[in-house]
Amino acid sequence: MNWNGIILGAAVFLIIGICHPIVIKMEYHWGKKSWWVLFAAGLCFAAASLFLRGILPSTILGAAAFSCFWGIHEILSQEMRVLRGWFPENPARHEYYERRRKELGDKIGPTPSHVHLRDKIRS
């Protein structure tokens, strides 16, 4: 029996599962400007993948590299999710989010009513 497919599938599943909360935390703490961390990690994983002899470890590192590259797109999308009120915003960065909401206006789309209620409570 060949277990490589099962191992690769499980590894990719875990990599994607780990990257999702990492993207959320990175946007929360550092904002979308932290995309370069994912880019650097992706380059490191890709380079390491090129130098491994085994196909399975090389493939897993390649999957990790492209998950990091996809995370760059997701960190930019995560900011929009925060602006829409789908995810909590970092209170320390509230002014930034308010400025972005004003800049983007209708491009953000509908925000849940609790976001507007929260803003009324703060003022």
PDB file of N, CA and C in Angstrom:
ATOM      1  N   MET A   1       0.836  -1.188   0.000  1.00  0.00           N
ATOM      2  CA  MET A   1       0.000   0.000   0.000  1.00  0.00           C
ATOM      3  C   MET A   1       0.882   1.252   0.000  1.00  0.00           C
ATOM      4  N   ASN A   2       0.363   2.295  -0.635  1.00  0.00           N
ATOM      5  CA  ASN A   2       1.076   3.559  -0.716  1.00  0.00           C
ATOM      6  C   ASN A   2       0.343   4.587   0.138  1.00  0.00           C
ATOM      7  N   TRP A   3       0.980   5.022   1.200  1.00  0.00           N
ATOM      8  CA  TRP A   3       0.378   5.951   2.157  1.00  0.00           C
ATOM      9  C   TRP A   3       0.670   7.414   1.816  1.00  0.00           C
ATOM     10  N   ASN A   4       1.444   7.659   0.796  1.00  0.00           N
ATOM     11  CA  ASN A   4       1.852   9.023   0.482  1.00  0.00           C
ATOM     12  C   ASN A   4       0.664   9.962   0.252  1.00  0.00           C
ATOM     13  N   GLY A   5      -0.341   9.516  -0.452  1.00  0.00           N
ATOM     14  CA  GLY A   5      -1.506  10.361  -0.728  1.00  0.00           C
ATOM     15  C   GLY A   5      -2.253  10.739   0.543  1.00  0.00           C
ATOM     16  N   ILE A   6      -2.417   9.771   1.440  1.00  0.00           N
ATOM     17  CA  ILE A   6      -3.116  10.031   2.701  1.00  0.00           C
ATOM     18  C   ILE A   6      -2.296  10.990   3.569  1.00  0.00           C
ATOM     19  N   ILE A   7      -0.996  10.742   3.634  1.00  0.00           N
ATOM     20  CA  ILE A   7      -0.117  11.610   4.436  1.00  0.00           C
ATOM     21  C   ILE A   7      -0.117  13.025   3.873  1.00  0.00           C
ATOM     22  N   LEU A   8      -0.005  13.157   2.556  1.00  0.00           N
ATOM     23  CA  LEU A   8      -0.006  14.469   1.924  1.00  0.00           C
ATOM     24  C   LEU A   8      -1.342  15.181   2.157  1.00  0.00           C
ATOM     25  N   GLY A   9      -2.435  14.460   1.996  1.00  0.00           N
ATOM     26  CA  GLY A   9      -3.746  15.057   2.237  1.00  0.00           C
ATOM     27  C   GLY A   9      -3.901  15.550   3.666  1.00  0.00           C
ATOM     28  N   ALA A  10      -3.475  14.748   4.624  1.00  0.00           N
ATOM     29  CA  ALA A  10      -3.558  15.154   6.030  1.00  0.00           C
ATOM     30  C   ALA A  10      -2.659  16.352   6.306  1.00  0.00           C
ATOM     31  N   ALA A  11      -1.463  16.361   5.720  1.00  0.00           N
ATOM     32  CA  ALA A  11      -0.544  17.481   5.934  1.00  0.00           C
ATOM     33  C   ALA A  11      -1.109  18.776   5.364  1.00  0.00           C
ATOM     34  N   VAL A  12      -1.670  18.720   4.169  1.00  0.00           N
ATOM     35  CA  VAL A  12      -2.249  19.920   3.559  1.00  0.00           C
ATOM     36  C   VAL A  12      -3.438  20.395   4.374  1.00  0.00           C
ATOM     37  N   PHE A  13      -4.249  19.473   4.835  1.00  0.00           N
ATOM     38  CA  PHE A  13      -5.397  19.821   5.680  1.00  0.00           C
ATOM     39  C   PHE A  13      -4.931  20.556   6.942  1.00  0.00           C
ATOM     40  N   LEU A  14      -3.886  20.035   7.588  1.00  0.00           N
ATOM     41  CA  LEU A  14      -3.347  20.676   8.785  1.00  0.00           C
ATOM     42  C   LEU A  14      -2.716  22.039   8.482  1.00  0.00           C
ATOM     43  N   ILE A  15      -2.013  22.129   7.372  1.00  0.00           N
ATOM     44  CA  ILE A  15      -1.381  23.398   6.998  1.00  0.00           C
ATOM     45  C   ILE A  15      -2.442  24.474   6.785  1.00  0.00           C
ATOM     46  N   ILE A  16      -3.484  24.152   6.050  1.00  0.00           N
ATOM     47  CA  ILE A  16      -4.555  25.118   5.813  1.00  0.00           C
ATOM     48  C   ILE A  16      -5.251  25.455   7.118  1.00  0.00           C
ATOM     49  N   GLY A  17      -5.476  24.457   7.951  1.00  0.00           N
ATOM     50  CA  GLY A  17      -6.120  24.682   9.244  1.00  0.00           C
ATOM     51  C   GLY A  17      -5.297  25.557  10.169  1.00  0.00           C
ATOM     52  N   ILE A  18      -3.990  25.471  10.067  1.00  0.00           N
ATOM     53  CA  ILE A  18      -3.105  26.306  10.890  1.00  0.00           C
ATOM     54  C   ILE A  18      -3.005  27.719  10.320  1.00  0.00           C
ATOM     55  N   CYS A  19      -2.969  27.839   8.996  1.00  0.00           N
ATOM     56  CA  CYS A  19      -2.801  29.153   8.363  1.00  0.00           C
ATOM     57  C   CYS A  19      -4.005  30.066   8.589  1.00  0.00           C
ATOM     58  N   HIS A  20      -5.202  29.513   8.646  1.00  0.00           N
ATOM     59  CA  HIS A  20      -6.401  30.353   8.788  1.00  0.00           C
ATOM     60  C   HIS A  20      -6.374  31.185  10.072  1.00  0.00           C
ATOM     61  N   PRO A  21      -6.187  30.584  11.245  1.00  0.00           N
ATOM     62  CA  PRO A  21      -6.130  31.419  12.447  1.00  0.00           C
ATOM     63  C   PRO A  21      -4.891  32.321  12.499  1.00  0.00           C
ATOM     64  N   ILE A  22      -3.803  31.907  11.859  1.00  0.00           N
ATOM     65  CA  ILE A  22      -2.615  32.758  11.825  1.00  0.00           C
ATOM     66  C   ILE A  22      -2.915  34.052  11.078  1.00  0.00           C
ATOM     67  N   VAL A  23      -3.608  33.944   9.957  1.00  0.00           N
ATOM     68  CA  VAL A  23      -3.982  35.127   9.179  1.00  0.00           C
ATOM     69  C   VAL A  23      -4.870  36.048  10.010  1.00  0.00           C
ATOM     70  N   ILE A  24      -5.837  35.487  10.714  1.00  0.00           N
ATOM     71  CA  ILE A  24      -6.752  36.286  11.532  1.00  0.00           C
ATOM     72  C   ILE A  24      -5.975  37.022  12.625  1.00  0.00           C
ATOM     73  N   LYS A  25      -5.081  36.314  13.305  1.00  0.00           N
ATOM     74  CA  LYS A  25      -4.298  36.930  14.380  1.00  0.00           C
ATOM     75  C   LYS A  25      -3.335  37.988  13.847  1.00  0.00           C
ATOM     76  N   MET A  26      -2.727  37.724  12.699  1.00  0.00           N
ATOM     77  CA  MET A  26      -1.804  38.703  12.128  1.00  0.00           C
ATOM     78  C   MET A  26      -2.528  39.991  11.774  1.00  0.00           C
ATOM     79  N   GLU A  27      -3.690  39.878  11.164  1.00  0.00           N
ATOM     80  CA  GLU A  27      -4.438  41.088  10.805  1.00  0.00           C
ATOM     81  C   GLU A  27      -4.878  41.815  12.062  1.00  0.00           C
ATOM     82  N   TYR A  28      -5.301  41.086  13.068  1.00  0.00           N
ATOM     83  CA  TYR A  28      -5.773  41.693  14.315  1.00  0.00           C
ATOM     84  C   TYR A  28      -4.661  42.499  14.983  1.00  0.00           C
ATOM     85  N   HIS A  29      -3.480  41.909  15.086  1.00  0.00           N
ATOM     86  CA  HIS A  29      -2.394  42.544  15.826  1.00  0.00           C
ATOM     87  C   HIS A  29      -1.594  43.554  14.998  1.00  0.00           C
ATOM     88  N   TRP A  30      -1.337  43.236  13.733  1.00  0.00           N
ATOM     89  CA  TRP A  30      -0.426  44.074  12.944  1.00  0.00           C
ATOM     90  C   TRP A  30      -1.063  44.668  11.696  1.00  0.00           C
ATOM     91  N   GLY A  31      -2.271  44.248  11.343  1.00  0.00           N
ATOM     92  CA  GLY A  31      -2.919  44.787  10.156  1.00  0.00           C
ATOM     93  C   GLY A  31      -2.418  44.140   8.875  1.00  0.00           C
ATOM     94  N   LYS A  32      -2.905  44.672   7.764  1.00  0.00           N
ATOM     95  CA  LYS A  32      -2.566  44.069   6.474  1.00  0.00           C
ATOM     96  C   LYS A  32      -1.113  44.298   6.070  1.00  0.00           C
ATOM     97  N   LYS A  33      -0.437  45.218   6.743  1.00  0.00           N
ATOM     98  CA  LYS A  33       0.965  45.481   6.418  1.00  0.00           C
ATOM     99  C   LYS A  33       1.879  44.324   6.815  1.00  0.00           C
ATOM    100  N   SER A  34       1.345  43.333   7.489  1.00  0.00           N
ATOM    101  CA  SER A  34       2.152  42.185   7.897  1.00  0.00           C
ATOM    102  C   SER A  34       2.216  41.106   6.816  1.00  0.00           C
ATOM    103  N   TRP A  35       1.731  41.411   5.616  1.00  0.00           N
ATOM    104  CA  TRP A  35       1.729  40.439   4.530  1.00  0.00           C
ATOM    105  C   TRP A  35       3.139  39.936   4.211  1.00  0.00           C
ATOM    106  N   TRP A  36       4.137  40.772   4.429  1.00  0.00           N
ATOM    107  CA  TRP A  36       5.508  40.394   4.082  1.00  0.00           C
ATOM    108  C   TRP A  36       6.011  39.219   4.909  1.00  0.00           C
ATOM    109  N   VAL A  37       5.463  39.029   6.111  1.00  0.00           N
ATOM    110  CA  VAL A  37       5.862  37.882   6.934  1.00  0.00           C
ATOM    111  C   VAL A  37       5.444  36.591   6.237  1.00  0.00           C
ATOM    112  N   LEU A  38       4.226  36.574   5.703  1.00  0.00           N
ATOM    113  CA  LEU A  38       3.761  35.399   4.968  1.00  0.00           C
ATOM    114  C   LEU A  38       4.564  35.201   3.690  1.00  0.00           C
ATOM    115  N   PHE A  39       4.912  36.299   3.036  1.00  0.00           N
ATOM    116  CA  PHE A  39       5.716  36.201   1.821  1.00  0.00           C
ATOM    117  C   PHE A  39       7.082  35.601   2.128  1.00  0.00           C
ATOM    118  N   ALA A  40       7.727  36.079   3.183  1.00  0.00           N
ATOM    119  CA  ALA A  40       9.046  35.558   3.565  1.00  0.00           C
ATOM    120  C   ALA A  40       8.957  34.082   3.950  1.00  0.00           C
ATOM    121  N   ALA A  41       7.924  33.727   4.714  1.00  0.00           N
ATOM    122  CA  ALA A  41       7.752  32.318   5.092  1.00  0.00           C
ATOM    123  C   ALA A  41       7.518  31.457   3.856  1.00  0.00           C
ATOM    124  N   GLY A  42       6.718  31.953   2.934  1.00  0.00           N
ATOM    125  CA  GLY A  42       6.468  31.216   1.693  1.00  0.00           C
ATOM    126  C   GLY A  42       7.737  31.007   0.892  1.00  0.00           C
ATOM    127  N   LEU A  43       8.565  32.042   0.794  1.00  0.00           N
ATOM    128  CA  LEU A  43       9.841  31.901   0.078  1.00  0.00           C
ATOM    129  C   LEU A  43      10.751  30.881   0.759  1.00  0.00           C
ATOM    130  N   CYS A  44      10.789  30.906   2.090  1.00  0.00           N
ATOM    131  CA  CYS A  44      11.620  29.942   2.823  1.00  0.00           C
ATOM    132  C   CYS A  44      11.143  28.514   2.609  1.00  0.00           C
ATOM    133  N   PHE A  45       9.830  28.312   2.703  1.00  0.00           N
ATOM    134  CA  PHE A  45       9.285  26.972   2.475  1.00  0.00           C
ATOM    135  C   PHE A  45       9.548  26.512   1.039  1.00  0.00           C
ATOM    136  N   ALA A  46       9.385  27.422   0.078  1.00  0.00           N
ATOM    137  CA  ALA A  46       9.606  27.062  -1.324  1.00  0.00           C
ATOM    138  C   ALA A  46      11.073  26.702  -1.555  1.00  0.00           C
ATOM    139  N   ALA A  47      11.981  27.485  -1.001  1.00  0.00           N
ATOM    140  CA  ALA A  47      13.405  27.199  -1.160  1.00  0.00           C
ATOM    141  C   ALA A  47      13.767  25.865  -0.520  1.00  0.00           C
ATOM    142  N   ALA A  48      13.247  25.629   0.678  1.00  0.00           N
ATOM    143  CA  ALA A  48      13.527  24.353   1.352  1.00  0.00           C
ATOM    144  C   ALA A  48      12.963  23.190   0.546  1.00  0.00           C
ATOM    145  N   SER A  49      11.815  23.401  -0.062  1.00  0.00           N
ATOM    146  CA  SER A  49      11.196  22.357  -0.874  1.00  0.00           C
ATOM    147  C   SER A  49      12.077  21.967  -2.059  1.00  0.00           C
ATOM    148  N   LEU A  50      12.770  22.935  -2.611  1.00  0.00           N
ATOM    149  CA  LEU A  50      13.632  22.663  -3.766  1.00  0.00           C
ATOM    150  C   LEU A  50      14.830  21.795  -3.413  1.00  0.00           C
ATOM    151  N   PHE A  51      15.271  21.849  -2.168  1.00  0.00           N
ATOM    152  CA  PHE A  51      16.501  21.163  -1.790  1.00  0.00           C
ATOM    153  C   PHE A  51      16.282  19.824  -1.090  1.00  0.00           C
ATOM    154  N   LEU A  52      15.047  19.444  -0.845  1.00  0.00           N
ATOM    155  CA  LEU A  52      14.781  18.143  -0.216  1.00  0.00           C
ATOM    156  C   LEU A  52      14.767  17.055  -1.284  1.00  0.00           C
ATOM    157  N   ARG A  53      15.325  15.922  -0.943  1.00  0.00           N
ATOM    158  CA  ARG A  53      15.375  14.825  -1.903  1.00  0.00           C
ATOM    159  C   ARG A  53      14.068  14.033  -1.950  1.00  0.00           C
ATOM    160  N   GLY A  54      13.437  13.859  -0.821  1.00  0.00           N
ATOM    161  CA  GLY A  54      12.219  13.062  -0.787  1.00  0.00           C
ATOM    162  C   GLY A  54      11.031  13.806  -1.400  1.00  0.00           C
ATOM    163  N   ILE A  55      10.238  13.103  -2.170  1.00  0.00           N
ATOM    164  CA  ILE A  55       9.101  13.733  -2.845  1.00  0.00           C
ATOM    165  C   ILE A  55       8.048  14.170  -1.838  1.00  0.00           C
ATOM    166  N   LEU A  56       7.746  13.337  -0.859  1.00  0.00           N
ATOM    167  CA  LEU A  56       6.692  13.672   0.103  1.00  0.00           C
ATOM    168  C   LEU A  56       7.040  14.904   0.946  1.00  0.00           C
ATOM    169  N   PRO A  57       8.212  14.972   1.586  1.00  0.00           N
ATOM    170  CA  PRO A  57       8.538  16.175   2.351  1.00  0.00           C
ATOM    171  C   PRO A  57       8.629  17.421   1.468  1.00  0.00           C
ATOM    172  N   SER A  58       9.162  17.264   0.271  1.00  0.00           N
ATOM    173  CA  SER A  58       9.264  18.388  -0.648  1.00  0.00           C
ATOM    174  C   SER A  58       7.876  18.896  -1.032  1.00  0.00           C
ATOM    175  N   THR A  59       6.959  17.993  -1.269  1.00  0.00           N
ATOM    176  CA  THR A  59       5.597  18.367  -1.634  1.00  0.00           C
ATOM    177  C   THR A  59       4.888  19.049  -0.466  1.00  0.00           C
ATOM    178  N   ILE A  60       5.096  18.545   0.727  1.00  0.00           N
ATOM    179  CA  ILE A  60       4.465  19.155   1.908  1.00  0.00           C
ATOM    180  C   ILE A  60       4.987  20.571   2.107  1.00  0.00           C
ATOM    181  N   LEU A  61       6.297  20.777   1.959  1.00  0.00           N
ATOM    182  CA  LEU A  61       6.842  22.129   2.088  1.00  0.00           C
ATOM    183  C   LEU A  61       6.365  23.035   0.958  1.00  0.00           C
ATOM    184  N   GLY A  62       6.203  22.487  -0.238  1.00  0.00           N
ATOM    185  CA  GLY A  62       5.643  23.272  -1.341  1.00  0.00           C
ATOM    186  C   GLY A  62       4.214  23.695  -1.057  1.00  0.00           C
ATOM    187  N   ALA A  63       3.436  22.790  -0.455  1.00  0.00           N
ATOM    188  CA  ALA A  63       2.064  23.133  -0.073  1.00  0.00           C
ATOM    189  C   ALA A  63       2.057  24.205   1.007  1.00  0.00           C
ATOM    190  N   ALA A  64       2.995  24.120   1.944  1.00  0.00           N
ATOM    191  CA  ALA A  64       3.096  25.151   2.983  1.00  0.00           C
ATOM    192  C   ALA A  64       3.469  26.493   2.361  1.00  0.00           C
ATOM    193  N   ALA A  65       4.363  26.477   1.374  1.00  0.00           N
ATOM    194  CA  ALA A  65       4.772  27.717   0.705  1.00  0.00           C
ATOM    195  C   ALA A  65       3.574  28.392   0.047  1.00  0.00           C
ATOM    196  N   PHE A  66       2.809  27.637  -0.694  1.00  0.00           N
ATOM    197  CA  PHE A  66       1.700  28.249  -1.415  1.00  0.00           C
ATOM    198  C   PHE A  66       0.518  28.557  -0.506  1.00  0.00           C
ATOM    199  N   SER A  67       0.440  27.896   0.636  1.00  0.00           N
ATOM    200  CA  SER A  67      -0.546  28.299   1.638  1.00  0.00           C
ATOM    201  C   SER A  67      -0.174  29.653   2.224  1.00  0.00           C
ATOM    202  N   CYS A  68       1.109  29.878   2.418  1.00  0.00           N
ATOM    203  CA  CYS A  68       1.560  31.206   2.887  1.00  0.00           C
ATOM    204  C   CYS A  68       1.287  32.265   1.824  1.00  0.00           C
ATOM    205  N   PHE A  69       1.549  31.947   0.568  1.00  0.00           N
ATOM    206  CA  PHE A  69       1.280  32.910  -0.498  1.00  0.00           C
ATOM    207  C   PHE A  69      -0.216  33.214  -0.588  1.00  0.00           C
ATOM    208  N   TRP A  70      -1.058  32.202  -0.432  1.00  0.00           N
ATOM    209  CA  TRP A  70      -2.503  32.421  -0.424  1.00  0.00           C
ATOM    210  C   TRP A  70      -2.901  33.244   0.805  1.00  0.00           C
ATOM    211  N   GLY A  71      -2.186  33.073   1.891  1.00  0.00           N
ATOM    212  CA  GLY A  71      -2.461  33.840   3.102  1.00  0.00           C
ATOM    213  C   GLY A  71      -2.295  35.337   2.894  1.00  0.00           C
ATOM    214  N   ILE A  72      -1.423  35.741   1.952  1.00  0.00           N
ATOM    215  CA  ILE A  72      -1.278  37.157   1.639  1.00  0.00           C
ATOM    216  C   ILE A  72      -2.602  37.701   1.119  1.00  0.00           C
ATOM    217  N   HIS A  73      -3.224  36.978   0.221  1.00  0.00           N
ATOM    218  CA  HIS A  73      -4.546  37.380  -0.277  1.00  0.00           C
ATOM    219  C   HIS A  73      -5.565  37.405   0.866  1.00  0.00           C
ATOM    220  N   GLU A  74      -5.499  36.401   1.715  1.00  0.00           N
ATOM    221  CA  GLU A  74      -6.464  36.304   2.806  1.00  0.00           C
ATOM    222  C   GLU A  74      -6.284  37.405   3.847  1.00  0.00           C
ATOM    223  N   ILE A  75      -5.071  37.846   4.096  1.00  0.00           N
ATOM    224  CA  ILE A  75      -4.862  38.899   5.085  1.00  0.00           C
ATOM    225  C   ILE A  75      -5.450  40.212   4.574  1.00  0.00           C
ATOM    226  N   LEU A  76      -5.394  40.428   3.260  1.00  0.00           N
ATOM    227  CA  LEU A  76      -6.021  41.617   2.681  1.00  0.00           C
ATOM    228  C   LEU A  76      -7.544  41.500   2.745  1.00  0.00           C
ATOM    229  N   SER A  77      -8.063  40.311   2.499  1.00  0.00           N
ATOM    230  CA  SER A  77      -9.504  40.087   2.597  1.00  0.00           C
ATOM    231  C   SER A  77      -9.979  40.160   4.039  1.00  0.00           C
ATOM    232  N   GLN A  78      -9.127  39.759   4.974  1.00  0.00           N
ATOM    233  CA  GLN A  78      -9.498  39.774   6.384  1.00  0.00           C
ATOM    234  C   GLN A  78      -9.772  41.197   6.856  1.00  0.00           C
ATOM    235  N   GLU A  79      -9.007  42.156   6.349  1.00  0.00           N
ATOM    236  CA  GLU A  79      -9.271  43.541   6.726  1.00  0.00           C
ATOM    237  C   GLU A  79     -10.691  43.938   6.310  1.00  0.00           C
ATOM    238  N   MET A  80     -11.113  43.526   5.133  1.00  0.00           N
ATOM    239  CA  MET A  80     -12.475  43.848   4.690  1.00  0.00           C
ATOM    240  C   MET A  80     -13.511  43.155   5.581  1.00  0.00           C
ATOM    241  N   ARG A  81     -13.226  41.941   6.012  1.00  0.00           N
ATOM    242  CA  ARG A  81     -14.149  41.242   6.912  1.00  0.00           C
ATOM    243  C   ARG A  81     -14.275  41.980   8.235  1.00  0.00           C
ATOM    244  N   VAL A  82     -13.160  42.516   8.721  1.00  0.00           N
ATOM    245  CA  VAL A  82     -13.181  43.293   9.964  1.00  0.00           C
ATOM    246  C   VAL A  82     -13.968  44.579   9.753  1.00  0.00           C
ATOM    247  N   LEU A  83     -13.731  45.244   8.629  1.00  0.00           N
ATOM    248  CA  LEU A  83     -14.442  46.488   8.341  1.00  0.00           C
ATOM    249  C   LEU A  83     -15.944  46.271   8.241  1.00  0.00           C
ATOM    250  N   ARG A  84     -16.347  45.115   7.755  1.00  0.00           N
ATOM    251  CA  ARG A  84     -17.773  44.782   7.652  1.00  0.00           C
ATOM    252  C   ARG A  84     -18.370  44.368   8.992  1.00  0.00           C
ATOM    253  N   GLY A  85     -17.509  44.105   9.972  1.00  0.00           N
ATOM    254  CA  GLY A  85     -18.002  43.697  11.278  1.00  0.00           C
ATOM    255  C   GLY A  85     -18.145  42.200  11.442  1.00  0.00           C
ATOM    256  N   TRP A  86     -17.614  41.446  10.510  1.00  0.00           N
ATOM    257  CA  TRP A  86     -17.711  39.992  10.585  1.00  0.00           C
ATOM    258  C   TRP A  86     -16.714  39.404  11.574  1.00  0.00           C
ATOM    259  N   PHE A  87     -15.613  40.126  11.826  1.00  0.00           N
ATOM    260  CA  PHE A  87     -14.600  39.708  12.785  1.00  0.00           C
ATOM    261  C   PHE A  87     -14.327  40.883  13.708  1.00  0.00           C
ATOM    262  N   PRO A  88     -13.885  40.624  14.934  1.00  0.00           N
ATOM    263  CA  PRO A  88     -13.623  41.738  15.854  1.00  0.00           C
ATOM    264  C   PRO A  88     -12.412  42.553  15.418  1.00  0.00           C
ATOM    265  N   GLU A  89     -12.507  43.850  15.660  1.00  0.00           N
ATOM    266  CA  GLU A  89     -11.372  44.712  15.365  1.00  0.00           C
ATOM    267  C   GLU A  89     -10.544  44.904  16.622  1.00  0.00           C
ATOM    268  N   ASN A  90      -9.282  45.178  16.439  1.00  0.00           N
ATOM    269  CA  ASN A  90      -8.380  45.458  17.548  1.00  0.00           C
ATOM    270  C   ASN A  90      -8.709  46.858  18.069  1.00  0.00           C
ATOM    271  N   PRO A  91      -9.131  46.989  19.331  1.00  0.00           N
ATOM    272  CA  PRO A  91      -9.478  48.315  19.856  1.00  0.00           C
ATOM    273  C   PRO A  91      -8.333  49.322  19.745  1.00  0.00           C
ATOM    274  N   ALA A  92      -7.111  48.864  19.804  1.00  0.00           N
ATOM    275  CA  ALA A  92      -5.965  49.765  19.686  1.00  0.00           C
ATOM    276  C   ALA A  92      -5.851  50.353  18.280  1.00  0.00           C
ATOM    277  N   ARG A  93      -6.507  49.726  17.312  1.00  0.00           N
ATOM    278  CA  ARG A  93      -6.439  50.194  15.932  1.00  0.00           C
ATOM    279  C   ARG A  93      -7.792  50.725  15.452  1.00  0.00           C
ATOM    280  N   HIS A  94      -8.672  51.100  16.369  1.00  0.00           N
ATOM    281  CA  HIS A  94     -10.033  51.539  16.011  1.00  0.00           C
ATOM    282  C   HIS A  94     -10.019  52.745  15.071  1.00  0.00           C
ATOM    283  N   GLU A  95      -9.138  53.711  15.327  1.00  0.00           N
ATOM    284  CA  GLU A  95      -9.086  54.903  14.484  1.00  0.00           C
ATOM    285  C   GLU A  95      -8.727  54.535  13.041  1.00  0.00           C
ATOM    286  N   TYR A  96      -7.819  53.584  12.892  1.00  0.00           N
ATOM    287  CA  TYR A  96      -7.436  53.131  11.551  1.00  0.00           C
ATOM    288  C   TYR A  96      -8.645  52.553  10.822  1.00  0.00           C
ATOM    289  N   TYR A  97      -9.396  51.681  11.518  1.00  0.00           N
ATOM    290  CA  TYR A  97     -10.555  51.056  10.884  1.00  0.00           C
ATOM    291  C   TYR A  97     -11.614  52.093  10.523  1.00  0.00           C
ATOM    292  N   GLU A  98     -11.813  53.071  11.380  1.00  0.00           N
ATOM    293  CA  GLU A  98     -12.795  54.117  11.087  1.00  0.00           C
ATOM    294  C   GLU A  98     -12.361  54.927   9.863  1.00  0.00           C
ATOM    295  N   ARG A  99     -11.081  55.236   9.788  1.00  0.00           N
ATOM    296  CA  ARG A  99     -10.563  55.964   8.621  1.00  0.00           C
ATOM    297  C   ARG A  99     -10.760  55.154   7.349  1.00  0.00           C
ATOM    298  N   ARG A 100     -10.480  53.854   7.408  1.00  0.00           N
ATOM    299  CA  ARG A 100     -10.664  52.976   6.239  1.00  0.00           C
ATOM    300  C   ARG A 100     -12.137  52.886   5.850  1.00  0.00           C
ATOM    301  N   ARG A 101     -13.027  52.830   6.837  1.00  0.00           N
ATOM    302  CA  ARG A 101     -14.466  52.792   6.528  1.00  0.00           C
ATOM    303  C   ARG A 101     -14.888  54.056   5.785  1.00  0.00           C
ATOM    304  N   LYS A 102     -14.364  55.198   6.209  1.00  0.00           N
ATOM    305  CA  LYS A 102     -14.694  56.462   5.537  1.00  0.00           C
ATOM    306  C   LYS A 102     -14.104  56.510   4.132  1.00  0.00           C
ATOM    307  N   GLU A 103     -12.880  56.016   3.986  1.00  0.00           N
ATOM    308  CA  GLU A 103     -12.225  56.008   2.670  1.00  0.00           C
ATOM    309  C   GLU A 103     -12.965  55.128   1.679  1.00  0.00           C
ATOM    310  N   LEU A 104     -13.375  53.952   2.133  1.00  0.00           N
ATOM    311  CA  LEU A 104     -13.988  52.979   1.228  1.00  0.00           C
ATOM    312  C   LEU A 104     -15.480  53.211   1.036  1.00  0.00           C
ATOM    313  N   GLY A 105     -16.144  53.773   2.016  1.00  0.00           N
ATOM    314  CA  GLY A 105     -17.565  54.081   1.892  1.00  0.00           C
ATOM    315  C   GLY A 105     -18.408  52.878   1.516  1.00  0.00           C
ATOM    316  N   ASP A 106     -19.093  52.969   0.381  1.00  0.00           N
ATOM    317  CA  ASP A 106     -20.016  51.918  -0.054  1.00  0.00           C
ATOM    318  C   ASP A 106     -19.306  50.670  -0.569  1.00  0.00           C
ATOM    319  N   LYS A 107     -18.013  50.747  -0.821  1.00  0.00           N
ATOM    320  CA  LYS A 107     -17.278  49.586  -1.319  1.00  0.00           C
ATOM    321  C   LYS A 107     -17.196  48.468  -0.287  1.00  0.00           C
ATOM    322  N   ILE A 108     -17.393  48.822   0.975  1.00  0.00           N
ATOM    323  CA  ILE A 108     -17.313  47.825   2.044  1.00  0.00           C
ATOM    324  C   ILE A 108     -18.507  46.884   1.979  1.00  0.00           C
ATOM    325  N   GLY A 109     -19.652  47.426   1.658  1.00  0.00           N
ATOM    326  CA  GLY A 109     -20.870  46.628   1.639  1.00  0.00           C
ATOM    327  C   GLY A 109     -21.588  46.765   2.968  1.00  0.00           C
ATOM    328  N   PRO A 110     -22.666  46.024   3.132  1.00  0.00           N
ATOM    329  CA  PRO A 110     -23.463  46.162   4.356  1.00  0.00           C
ATOM    330  C   PRO A 110     -22.712  45.665   5.589  1.00  0.00           C
ATOM    331  N   THR A 111     -22.872  46.403   6.671  1.00  0.00           N
ATOM    332  CA  THR A 111     -22.301  45.977   7.945  1.00  0.00           C
ATOM    333  C   THR A 111     -23.440  45.589   8.867  1.00  0.00           C
ATOM    334  N   PRO A 112     -23.234  44.632   9.739  1.00  0.00           N
ATOM    335  CA  PRO A 112     -24.292  44.224  10.674  1.00  0.00           C
ATOM    336  C   PRO A 112     -24.695  45.387  11.580  1.00  0.00           C
ATOM    337  N   SER A 113     -25.917  45.379  12.036  1.00  0.00           N
ATOM    338  CA  SER A 113     -26.434  46.477  12.844  1.00  0.00           C
ATOM    339  C   SER A 113     -25.690  46.617  14.167  1.00  0.00           C
ATOM    340  N   HIS A 114     -25.120  45.531  14.711  1.00  0.00           N
ATOM    341  CA  HIS A 114     -24.416  45.646  15.993  1.00  0.00           C
ATOM    342  C   HIS A 114     -23.166  46.513  15.880  1.00  0.00           C
ATOM    343  N   VAL A 115     -22.592  46.639  14.687  1.00  0.00           N
ATOM    344  CA  VAL A 115     -21.416  47.482  14.510  1.00  0.00           C
ATOM    345  C   VAL A 115     -21.814  48.941  14.704  1.00  0.00           C
ATOM    346  N   HIS A 116     -22.937  49.349  14.093  1.00  0.00           N
ATOM    347  CA  HIS A 116     -23.391  50.725  14.239  1.00  0.00           C
ATOM    348  C   HIS A 116     -23.825  51.001  15.673  1.00  0.00           C
ATOM    349  N   LEU A 117     -24.435  50.029  16.318  1.00  0.00           N
ATOM    350  CA  LEU A 117     -24.858  50.181  17.711  1.00  0.00           C
ATOM    351  C   LEU A 117     -23.638  50.356  18.616  1.00  0.00           C
ATOM    352  N   ARG A 118     -22.598  49.567  18.362  1.00  0.00           N
ATOM    353  CA  ARG A 118     -21.370  49.660  19.148  1.00  0.00           C
ATOM    354  C   ARG A 118     -20.759  51.061  19.009  1.00  0.00           C
ATOM    355  N   ASP A 119     -20.765  51.608  17.780  1.00  0.00           N
ATOM    356  CA  ASP A 119     -20.213  52.946  17.580  1.00  0.00           C
ATOM    357  C   ASP A 119     -21.023  54.008  18.315  1.00  0.00           C
ATOM    358  N   LYS A 120     -22.353  53.842  18.383  1.00  0.00           N
ATOM    359  CA  LYS A 120     -23.189  54.794  19.096  1.00  0.00           C
ATOM    360  C   LYS A 120     -22.934  54.735  20.597  1.00  0.00           C
ATOM    361  N   ILE A 121     -22.679  53.545  21.105  1.00  0.00           N
ATOM    362  CA  ILE A 121     -22.400  53.375  22.529  1.00  0.00           C
ATOM    363  C   ILE A 121     -21.088  54.053  22.897  1.00  0.00           C
ATOM    364  N   ARG A 122     -20.067  53.956  22.008  1.00  0.00           N
ATOM    365  CA  ARG A 122     -18.755  54.550  22.275  1.00  0.00           C
ATOM    366  C   ARG A 122     -18.810  56.061  22.306  1.00  0.00           C
ATOM    367  N   SER A 123     -19.707  56.679  21.504  1.00  0.00           N
ATOM    368  CA  SER A 123     -19.731  58.138  21.455  1.00  0.00           C
ATOM    369  C   SER A 123     -20.689  58.753  22.418  1.00  0.00           C
TER     370      SER A 123
END
